[in-house]
Amino acid sequence: MNKLKEARFVRRMTQMTIFQLTGIWPSKLSAIENGFISPTAAEKIRLADVLGMDKDWIFPEVAAENEEGQATDAKKKEGGTYDA
């Protein structure tokens, strides 16, 4: 079970409840939960807010991408190269 689905179950929220609170259709939420598609940045924020959870916990890949991006930006400022 992914963290989004886990958070939804912990909060005892159905996909329909999430839809009513976020506007994200149950079919799209199901596809997100099952890893077929990724939510937009705005959807990640709305989902985290509705679930009362930290978005970096629900979507850990976002936190990892942000950390990698920060390392890349820091290296560019130093004038060096960054090999990911």
Foldseek 3Di string as FASTA:
>chain_A
DALLVVLCVVVVHDLVNLCVQQVQHSVNVVCCVVVVDPDDPVSLVSSCVVSVHDSCRRPVVVVVVVVVVVVQVVCVVVVHHDDD
